[in-house]
Amino acid sequence: MNTEYYIARRLAFDKAGKKLLSRSIVRLSVFSITLSIAVMIITLAVVTGFKKEITNRAVGFGSHIQIINKEALNSFETAPIPASLGFLPEIKQIKGIRQVQPFAMKPGIIKAGKDNQGVIVKGVDSTYDWNFFSNNLIEGRLINYADTGRAKEVLISTRLAAMLNQKVGDEFLIYFYQDRTRSRRCKIAGLFQTSFENFDKQFIFMNMKEIQRLYGWSRDSISGYEILVDDFKHLEQVASDVFDIAGLRYLDNGTQLEVITVKDLYNQIFNWLSLLDMNVKVILILMIIVAVVNMISGLIILILDRTQTIGLLKAIGTQNRKIKRIFLYQAVFLILKGLLIGNALALAVCYIQDTFRLFKLDPGSYFIDYVPVNLSLPVILFTNLASLILIFLAMYMPALIISRVDPVKTLRYE
C-alpha cells in the first residue's frame, strides 16, 4: 500500500477534522476551483457557440467560397460570368468541397402598400443547398422552381414580412432599376427566421431564371458560383486550392475571376469574432490565477494546521519528500473535488441555456437573439486537464514549508 496516499486520505476525509480552522479555508479553496472551472467551461461554450452560430448564419447567406467576376466586388449589381466554366469539374474534385452551386444576385426595392424596403434578391436553381433555410423555416415552404404563375414565388424572412405587413400567400411588387425600371410581382411561398437581423431584412430568394431575365442574360450567364466545404476548419486550404485553379483567371471574353471566402465577404463580422478570442484568454488566465492563489493559501493553512502531525512524522524518521507527497495528495483530492463540482455546475447551466434559452440578446447588436452554447468534449477535457496540471504544479511552492518544520519545537508543546 502507498503509505503517503493512505495518510493523505485519512487526513482529507477525517470526520473529526471538521472542527479544524483549516476546514473553512479548504472549503474556500474548493469553492474557488469550482467557480473557476465552471466559468472557464461556460465561457468556452458561449464563445464557441457564438462562433459556430454566427458562422453558420454567414455561410447560410453567402456560402464558404465564391467565384465571381472581379468587376462585381463591393457591389450587389453583379457582372456575369459563364455558367459553363471548363475547369468546374476540376474544382468539384478538390478534397473537402461538399457542393458547388450557381447563383445570380440583383438589388431591388419592394413596394407593399405604402411600405418600401430595399432588398437583395438572390436567385438560385434546383441544385441549391436549402439545409440552412429549411432548418430556419418558420411558415410555408421553399420556392417551387416549376412555378409558372404570374406572381413568382419568393422566400423572405419573418422580419421583412413584419416590416411590410405581409404573410405567406400575399403578393407584392419588386422594382429593379438599371437602364430602365422593371418590376416583378412576387408571392410569398415561405418565411424563415435566422435572427441575423441585417441579413433577414435584406435577402430574399427566388428562381435564378427570373434574375437572368431581369438582367437580360442568357441561361449561360450567372453572377457566380458558391462553394460549400465539409469542415470550416479547412476553409483556408480549400480556398487556396480553388484559387490555384480559378483565382485571377482570365476567360476568353476578357472577364477576370475572383475567389473570395466568407471571411472576406463579411470581414467585419469575423474580425469581431476574432476579438472574442482575446477576451477568452483574459478570462481563462484570471480564473486560473484565482484558483491557484486560493489553492496555495488553502494548502499553506492546511500545512500550518498540521505542523504537529508533520513534526511527529519527522520524529519517527519520515523523509521530507514523503511528507510533501502526503500534502500534495491532499491537494489533488481537493482539486478533483472542485473540478467535479465545477463541471457539473457548468454542464447544468449550459444544458438549461441550450434547452430553454433563458438568456436573450439584442439581435441588432449581437447577430443572434439568444446566448448560444456549444459543448465540446475535447475542449472540456483539455480545460480540466490543463487546470489540474497547472494548479498541482503550483502546489510545490507551499509544500517547501514542510522542510522548515522543526519536530523538536512542534512536539515540545504537544
Protein backbone atom coordinates (compact mmCIF):
# COMPACT_ATOMS: atom_id res chain seq x y z
CA MET A 1 0.00 0.00 0.00
CA ASN A 2 1.10 3.56 -0.73
CA THR A 3 1.65 4.90 2.80
CA GLU A 4 1.61 8.58 1.77
CA TYR A 5 -1.66 8.12 -0.10
CA TYR A 6 -3.23 6.30 2.85
CA ILE A 7 -2.25 9.04 5.34
CA ALA A 8 -3.39 11.79 2.96
CA ARG A 9 -6.74 10.11 2.53
CA ARG A 10 -7.21 9.76 6.29
CA LEU A 11 -6.34 13.42 6.83
CA ALA A 12 -8.56 14.61 3.96
CA PHE A 13 -11.64 12.63 4.95
CA ASP A 14 -11.19 12.66 8.71
CA LYS A 15 -14.59 13.42 10.26
CA ALA A 16 -13.00 14.78 13.40
CA GLY A 17 -11.10 17.31 11.34
CA LYS A 18 -14.26 19.29 10.67
CA LYS A 19 -13.60 21.44 13.69
CA LEU A 20 -10.20 22.48 12.47
CA LEU A 21 -9.70 26.11 11.45
CA SER A 22 -8.30 24.91 8.15
CA ARG A 23 -11.64 23.38 7.18
CA SER A 24 -13.14 26.76 6.26
CA ILE A 25 -10.05 27.71 4.25
CA VAL A 26 -10.09 24.36 2.45
CA ARG A 27 -13.76 24.80 1.56
CA LEU A 28 -12.98 28.25 0.20
CA SER A 29 -10.21 26.75 -1.92
CA VAL A 30 -12.54 24.08 -3.29
CA PHE A 31 -15.17 26.74 -3.98
CA SER A 32 -12.68 28.87 -5.90
CA ILE A 33 -11.70 25.89 -8.07
CA THR A 34 -15.37 25.05 -8.61
CA LEU A 35 -16.17 28.60 -9.64
CA SER A 36 -13.08 28.92 -11.83
CA ILE A 37 -13.61 25.72 -13.81
CA ALA A 38 -17.33 26.44 -14.18
CA VAL A 39 -16.65 29.95 -15.52
CA MET A 40 -13.97 28.65 -17.89
CA ILE A 41 -16.18 25.92 -19.35
CA ILE A 42 -19.19 28.24 -19.68
CA THR A 43 -17.02 30.93 -21.28
CA LEU A 44 -15.59 28.50 -23.83
CA ALA A 45 -19.04 27.06 -24.52
CA VAL A 46 -20.55 30.51 -25.11
CA VAL A 47 -17.69 31.79 -27.28
CA THR A 48 -17.53 28.65 -29.42
CA GLY A 49 -21.33 28.75 -29.59
CA PHE A 50 -21.22 32.34 -30.83
CA LYS A 51 -18.62 31.48 -33.44
CA LYS A 52 -20.47 28.40 -34.63
CA GLU A 53 -23.93 30.01 -34.85
CA ILE A 54 -22.82 33.28 -36.44
CA THR A 55 -20.51 31.47 -38.87
CA ASN A 56 -23.37 29.14 -39.86
CA ARG A 57 -25.62 32.15 -40.50
CA ALA A 58 -23.00 33.98 -42.55
CA VAL A 59 -22.32 30.83 -44.59
CA GLY A 60 -26.07 30.25 -44.98
CA PHE A 61 -26.44 33.59 -46.74
CA GLY A 62 -23.13 33.67 -48.59
CA SER A 63 -21.59 30.15 -48.68
CA HIS A 64 -17.97 29.37 -47.75
CA ILE A 65 -16.30 30.40 -51.01
CA GLN A 66 -17.49 32.33 -54.08
CA ILE A 67 -16.14 32.52 -57.61
CA ILE A 68 -17.31 35.81 -59.14
CA ASN A 69 -16.44 38.42 -61.74
CA LYS A 70 -13.76 40.68 -60.27
CA GLU A 71 -15.72 43.70 -61.50
CA ALA A 72 -18.56 42.74 -59.13
CA LEU A 73 -16.50 43.14 -55.95
CA ASN A 74 -18.04 45.52 -53.39
CA SER A 75 -21.29 45.74 -55.36
CA PHE A 76 -24.58 43.83 -55.38
CA GLU A 77 -25.12 44.89 -59.02
CA THR A 78 -23.17 41.92 -60.33
CA ALA A 79 -21.36 41.41 -63.61
CA PRO A 80 -21.92 37.98 -65.20
CA ILE A 81 -19.61 35.05 -65.70
CA PRO A 82 -20.29 31.97 -67.88
CA ALA A 83 -22.07 29.10 -66.14
CA SER A 84 -20.17 26.62 -68.32
CA LEU A 85 -16.68 27.08 -66.91
CA GLY A 86 -14.35 24.48 -68.37
CA PHE A 87 -12.45 24.00 -65.12
CA LEU A 88 -15.56 23.49 -62.97
CA PRO A 89 -15.22 19.67 -62.85
CA GLU A 90 -11.66 20.13 -61.61
CA ILE A 91 -12.89 22.34 -58.76
CA LYS A 92 -15.56 19.79 -57.80
CA GLN A 93 -12.82 17.19 -57.38
CA ILE A 94 -10.98 19.22 -54.72
CA LYS A 95 -10.90 17.38 -51.42
CA GLY A 96 -13.13 18.98 -48.81
CA ILE A 97 -15.69 20.51 -51.18
CA ARG A 98 -19.26 19.43 -50.47
CA GLN A 99 -21.21 21.35 -53.08
CA VAL A 100 -20.80 23.80 -55.96
CA GLN A 101 -23.92 25.80 -56.88
CA PRO A 102 -24.61 28.76 -59.22
CA PHE A 103 -26.35 31.95 -58.12
CA ALA A 104 -27.46 35.30 -59.50
CA MET A 105 -27.98 38.45 -57.47
CA LYS A 106 -29.68 41.79 -58.06
CA PRO A 107 -30.71 44.69 -55.78
CA GLY A 108 -34.29 45.90 -55.82
CA ILE A 109 -36.99 47.74 -53.88
CA ILE A 110 -40.10 46.06 -52.50
CA LYS A 111 -43.34 48.02 -52.58
CA ALA A 112 -46.14 46.62 -50.43
CA GLY A 113 -48.95 49.10 -49.92
CA LYS A 114 -47.42 52.25 -48.52
CA ASP A 115 -44.29 50.41 -47.34
CA ASN A 116 -40.99 50.27 -49.25
CA GLN A 117 -37.83 48.35 -48.46
CA GLY A 118 -34.53 47.93 -50.29
CA VAL A 119 -33.56 44.27 -50.70
CA ILE A 120 -31.04 41.99 -52.34
CA VAL A 121 -32.73 39.35 -54.50
CA LYS A 122 -30.72 36.16 -54.69
CA GLY A 123 -31.59 33.79 -57.49
CA VAL A 124 -30.87 30.08 -57.07
CA ASP A 125 -31.59 26.93 -59.04
CA SER A 126 -32.58 23.36 -58.21
CA THR A 127 -29.02 22.45 -57.15
CA TYR A 128 -29.10 24.96 -54.27
CA ASP A 129 -28.47 23.55 -50.79
CA TRP A 130 -31.53 24.58 -48.74
CA ASN A 131 -30.46 22.87 -45.49
CA PHE A 132 -29.78 26.13 -43.64
CA PHE A 133 -33.09 27.74 -44.58
CA SER A 134 -35.05 24.51 -44.13
CA ASN A 135 -33.82 24.40 -40.54
CA ASN A 136 -34.90 28.03 -40.05
CA LEU A 137 -38.20 27.84 -41.93
CA ILE A 138 -40.99 29.19 -39.72
CA GLU A 139 -44.01 29.07 -42.01
CA GLY A 140 -44.87 27.98 -45.52
CA ARG A 141 -42.44 26.15 -47.80
CA LEU A 142 -39.45 26.62 -50.07
CA ILE A 143 -39.88 28.09 -53.55
CA ASN A 144 -41.17 25.95 -56.40
CA TYR A 145 -38.83 26.01 -59.39
CA ALA A 146 -41.64 24.85 -61.69
CA ASP A 147 -43.72 27.91 -60.82
CA THR A 148 -45.46 29.27 -63.93
CA GLY A 149 -47.87 31.69 -62.27
CA ARG A 150 -47.93 35.40 -62.92
CA ALA A 151 -46.58 36.03 -59.40
CA LYS A 152 -43.15 34.44 -58.88
CA GLU A 153 -42.58 32.63 -55.62
CA VAL A 154 -40.08 34.05 -53.14
CA LEU A 155 -38.75 33.12 -49.73
CA ILE A 156 -38.39 36.02 -47.28
CA SER A 157 -37.73 36.44 -43.56
CA THR A 158 -40.35 36.93 -40.85
CA ARG A 159 -38.58 40.21 -40.02
CA LEU A 160 -39.04 41.56 -43.56
CA ALA A 161 -42.63 40.26 -43.70
CA ALA A 162 -43.44 42.10 -40.46
CA MET A 163 -41.87 45.31 -41.77
CA LEU A 164 -44.03 45.08 -44.91
CA ASN A 165 -47.11 43.75 -43.11
CA GLN A 166 -47.12 40.63 -45.31
CA LYS A 167 -47.77 36.93 -44.70
CA VAL A 168 -47.47 33.62 -46.58
CA GLY A 169 -49.54 33.75 -49.75
CA ASP A 170 -49.51 37.55 -50.04
CA GLU A 171 -48.24 39.26 -53.19
CA PHE A 172 -46.11 42.37 -53.63
CA LEU A 173 -44.08 44.16 -56.29
CA ILE A 174 -40.29 44.37 -56.52
CA TYR A 175 -38.86 47.20 -58.60
CA PHE A 176 -35.46 46.87 -60.26
CA TYR A 177 -33.52 49.84 -61.62
CA GLN A 178 -30.88 49.57 -64.32
CA ASP A 179 -31.14 51.08 -67.80
CA ARG A 180 -34.88 51.24 -67.17
CA THR A 181 -37.27 50.41 -64.35
CA ARG A 182 -38.61 46.88 -64.30
CA SER A 183 -40.90 45.17 -61.84
CA ARG A 184 -41.85 41.66 -60.81
CA ARG A 185 -44.94 40.56 -58.94
CA CYS A 186 -43.93 38.08 -56.27
CA LYS A 187 -45.83 35.73 -54.00
CA ILE A 188 -44.52 34.70 -50.58
CA ALA A 189 -44.03 30.91 -50.51
CA GLY A 190 -42.41 30.73 -47.08
CA LEU A 191 -40.95 32.66 -44.17
CA PHE A 192 -37.60 32.00 -42.49
CA GLN A 193 -36.07 33.44 -39.33
CA THR A 194 -32.34 33.36 -38.60
CA SER A 195 -32.16 36.33 -36.15
CA PHE A 196 -29.30 37.60 -38.33
CA GLU A 197 -31.19 40.85 -38.41
CA ASN A 198 -29.32 42.85 -41.07
CA PHE A 199 -29.38 39.87 -43.40
CA ASP A 200 -33.00 38.95 -42.62
CA LYS A 201 -34.04 42.48 -43.62
CA GLN A 202 -32.07 42.40 -46.88
CA PHE A 203 -32.12 38.99 -48.53
CA ILE A 204 -34.98 37.35 -50.39
CA PHE A 205 -34.72 34.24 -52.59
CA MET A 206 -36.31 33.42 -55.93
CA ASN A 207 -35.77 31.30 -59.03
CA MET A 208 -32.49 32.24 -60.72
CA LYS A 209 -34.18 32.32 -64.12
CA GLU A 210 -36.04 35.48 -63.10
CA ILE A 211 -32.80 37.29 -62.25
CA GLN A 212 -31.33 36.25 -65.59
CA ARG A 213 -34.41 37.65 -67.39
CA LEU A 214 -34.19 40.93 -65.45
CA TYR A 215 -30.56 41.39 -66.45
CA GLY A 216 -31.24 40.22 -69.98
CA TRP A 217 -28.72 37.42 -69.55
CA SER A 218 -28.72 34.10 -71.32
CA ARG A 219 -29.15 30.84 -69.44
CA ASP A 220 -25.35 30.51 -69.52
CA SER A 221 -24.78 33.76 -67.56
CA ILE A 222 -24.72 33.84 -63.78
CA SER A 223 -23.36 36.08 -61.01
CA GLY A 224 -21.02 33.35 -59.83
CA TYR A 225 -20.58 30.02 -58.12
CA GLU A 226 -20.92 29.29 -54.40
CA ILE A 227 -18.80 26.56 -52.88
CA LEU A 228 -19.64 24.77 -49.63
CA VAL A 229 -16.93 22.89 -47.74
CA ASP A 230 -17.25 19.90 -45.42
CA ASP A 231 -15.39 21.47 -42.50
CA PHE A 232 -14.99 25.20 -41.78
CA LYS A 233 -11.59 24.46 -40.21
CA HIS A 234 -10.29 23.58 -43.68
CA LEU A 235 -11.72 26.70 -45.35
CA GLU A 236 -8.35 28.37 -45.97
CA GLN A 237 -6.82 25.26 -47.52
CA VAL A 238 -9.80 24.60 -49.78
CA ALA A 239 -9.95 28.29 -50.77
CA SER A 240 -6.26 28.17 -51.66
CA ASP A 241 -6.84 25.10 -53.86
CA VAL A 242 -9.77 26.84 -55.59
CA PHE A 243 -7.69 29.99 -56.07
CA ASP A 244 -4.93 27.97 -57.72
CA ILE A 245 -7.46 26.91 -60.36
CA ALA A 246 -9.73 29.94 -60.76
CA GLY A 247 -8.19 32.87 -58.89
CA LEU A 248 -7.46 35.95 -61.07
CA ARG A 249 -8.02 33.78 -64.14
CA TYR A 250 -8.94 35.47 -67.42
CA LEU A 251 -11.70 33.93 -69.52
CA ASP A 252 -11.91 34.06 -73.31
CA ASN A 253 -14.21 37.11 -73.20
CA GLY A 254 -11.71 39.08 -71.08
CA THR A 255 -13.55 38.54 -67.78
CA GLN A 256 -11.24 38.15 -64.78
CA LEU A 257 -12.40 35.85 -61.98
CA GLU A 258 -12.00 36.42 -58.27
CA VAL A 259 -12.16 33.87 -55.44
CA ILE A 260 -13.38 35.20 -52.09
CA THR A 261 -14.21 33.44 -48.83
CA VAL A 262 -16.99 34.18 -46.38
CA LYS A 263 -14.36 35.80 -44.16
CA ASP A 264 -13.53 38.24 -46.96
CA LEU A 265 -17.20 38.82 -47.74
CA TYR A 266 -18.16 39.61 -44.14
CA ASN A 267 -14.81 40.60 -42.69
CA GLN A 268 -16.31 42.92 -40.05
CA ILE A 269 -18.26 40.06 -38.52
CA PHE A 270 -15.27 37.72 -38.44
CA ASN A 271 -12.98 40.45 -37.11
CA TRP A 272 -15.47 40.91 -34.27
CA LEU A 273 -15.47 37.17 -33.63
CA SER A 274 -11.65 37.13 -33.52
CA LEU A 275 -11.76 39.74 -30.72
CA LEU A 276 -13.66 37.24 -28.60
CA ASP A 277 -10.57 35.03 -28.54
CA MET A 278 -8.65 37.71 -26.65
CA ASN A 279 -11.48 38.04 -24.12
CA VAL A 280 -11.47 34.28 -23.60
CA LYS A 281 -7.72 34.24 -22.98
CA VAL A 282 -8.04 37.00 -20.36
CA ILE A 283 -10.90 35.22 -18.58
CA LEU A 284 -9.07 31.86 -18.58
CA ILE A 285 -5.88 33.41 -17.19
CA LEU A 286 -7.77 35.27 -14.45
CA MET A 287 -9.72 32.16 -13.43
CA ILE A 288 -6.56 30.04 -13.27
CA ILE A 289 -4.85 32.72 -11.16
CA VAL A 290 -7.84 32.83 -8.78
CA ALA A 291 -7.86 29.05 -8.42
CA VAL A 292 -4.08 28.80 -7.94
CA VAL A 293 -3.88 31.62 -5.37
CA ASN A 294 -6.75 30.22 -3.32
CA MET A 295 -5.40 26.70 -3.52
CA ILE A 296 -1.93 27.84 -2.44
CA SER A 297 -3.47 29.69 0.50
CA GLY A 298 -5.52 26.65 1.41
CA LEU A 299 -2.53 24.31 1.33
CA ILE A 300 -0.41 26.70 3.40
CA ILE A 301 -3.13 26.87 6.08
CA LEU A 302 -3.53 23.09 5.90
CA ILE A 303 0.21 22.56 6.43
CA LEU A 304 0.40 25.08 9.29
CA ASP A 305 -2.61 23.48 10.94
CA ARG A 306 -0.91 20.08 10.74
CA THR A 307 2.54 21.10 11.96
CA GLN A 308 2.29 18.72 14.92
CA THR A 309 1.46 15.85 12.58
CA ILE A 310 4.41 16.84 10.41
CA GLY A 311 6.65 17.00 13.49
CA LEU A 312 5.53 13.54 14.60
CA LEU A 313 6.17 12.06 11.15
CA LYS A 314 9.64 13.61 11.10
CA ALA A 315 10.35 12.32 14.61
CA ILE A 316 9.71 8.73 13.52
CA GLY A 317 12.06 9.19 10.57
CA THR A 318 9.73 10.07 7.68
CA GLN A 319 11.58 11.90 4.92
CA ASN A 320 10.57 15.41 3.85
CA ARG A 321 9.74 14.32 0.32
CA LYS A 322 7.32 11.70 1.62
CA ILE A 323 5.60 14.22 3.88
CA LYS A 324 5.36 16.64 0.92
CA ARG A 325 3.77 13.86 -1.05
CA ILE A 326 1.11 13.43 1.65
CA PHE A 327 0.01 17.04 1.37
CA LEU A 328 0.22 17.02 -2.42
CA TYR A 329 -2.13 14.04 -2.41
CA GLN A 330 -4.47 16.08 -0.20
CA ALA A 331 -4.25 18.94 -2.66
CA VAL A 332 -5.16 16.60 -5.53
CA PHE A 333 -8.23 15.39 -3.60
CA LEU A 334 -9.38 18.98 -3.16
CA ILE A 335 -8.64 19.93 -6.78
CA LEU A 336 -10.53 16.92 -8.13
CA LYS A 337 -13.48 17.70 -5.86
CA GLY A 338 -13.56 21.29 -7.14
CA LEU A 339 -13.25 20.16 -10.76
CA LEU A 340 -16.05 17.61 -10.36
CA ILE A 341 -18.49 20.09 -8.83
CA GLY A 342 -17.44 22.83 -11.27
CA ASN A 343 -18.01 20.58 -14.29
CA ALA A 344 -21.41 19.52 -13.01
CA LEU A 345 -22.39 23.16 -12.45
CA ALA A 346 -21.15 24.28 -15.89
CA LEU A 347 -22.85 21.41 -17.71
CA ALA A 348 -26.12 22.10 -15.90
CA VAL A 349 -26.03 25.81 -16.78
CA CYS A 350 -25.17 25.07 -20.44
CA TYR A 351 -27.89 22.42 -20.71
CA ILE A 352 -30.54 24.75 -19.27
CA GLN A 353 -29.49 27.59 -21.60
CA ASP A 354 -29.34 25.34 -24.66
CA THR A 355 -32.78 23.86 -23.88
CA PHE A 356 -34.73 26.88 -22.65
CA ARG A 357 -32.63 29.82 -23.98
CA LEU A 358 -33.25 31.87 -20.82
CA PHE A 359 -30.58 34.48 -21.59
CA LYS A 360 -31.63 36.68 -24.50
CA LEU A 361 -29.63 39.12 -26.64
CA ASP A 362 -30.37 42.02 -28.92
CA PRO A 363 -30.02 40.57 -32.45
CA GLY A 364 -29.29 44.03 -33.83
CA SER A 365 -26.07 44.17 -31.79
CA TYR A 366 -25.07 40.50 -31.47
CA PHE A 367 -26.45 38.99 -34.73
CA ILE A 368 -28.41 36.45 -32.68
CA ASP A 369 -31.33 36.68 -30.24
CA TYR A 370 -30.07 34.33 -27.51
CA VAL A 371 -26.81 33.27 -25.88
CA PRO A 372 -25.68 30.14 -27.77
CA VAL A 373 -23.65 27.38 -26.15
CA ASN A 374 -21.57 24.71 -27.80
CA LEU A 375 -20.16 21.99 -25.55
CA SER A 376 -17.19 20.14 -26.96
CA LEU A 377 -15.87 17.07 -25.12
CA PRO A 378 -12.23 17.58 -26.23
CA VAL A 379 -12.33 21.23 -25.07
CA ILE A 380 -13.83 20.25 -21.69
CA LEU A 381 -11.27 17.50 -21.16
CA PHE A 382 -8.39 19.77 -22.14
CA THR A 383 -9.62 22.56 -19.83
CA ASN A 384 -9.86 20.16 -16.89
CA LEU A 385 -6.51 18.53 -17.56
CA ALA A 386 -4.71 21.84 -18.05
CA SER A 387 -6.28 23.27 -14.87
CA LEU A 388 -5.37 20.18 -12.85
CA ILE A 389 -1.74 20.24 -14.02
CA LEU A 390 -1.23 23.99 -13.52
CA ILE A 391 -2.80 24.07 -10.06
CA PHE A 392 -0.95 20.91 -8.99
CA LEU A 393 2.41 22.30 -10.13
CA ALA A 394 1.74 25.45 -8.12
CA MET A 395 1.32 23.29 -5.01
CA TYR A 396 5.05 22.57 -4.87
CA MET A 397 5.72 26.09 -3.62
CA PRO A 398 3.81 25.88 -0.31
CA ALA A 399 4.97 22.29 0.16
CA LEU A 400 8.50 23.67 0.72
CA ILE A 401 7.33 24.88 4.15
CA ILE A 402 7.42 21.27 5.32
CA SER A 403 11.22 21.11 5.13
CA ARG A 404 11.43 24.01 7.64
CA VAL A 405 9.27 22.40 10.29
CA ASP A 406 11.37 21.50 13.36
CA PRO A 407 10.00 18.33 15.02
CA VAL A 408 11.54 19.25 18.40
CA LYS A 409 9.74 22.60 18.56
CA THR A 410 6.40 21.30 17.31
CA LEU A 411 6.29 18.32 19.68
CA ARG A 412 7.53 20.28 22.72
CA TYR A 413 4.12 21.91 23.13
CA GLU A 414 2.09 18.83 22.27
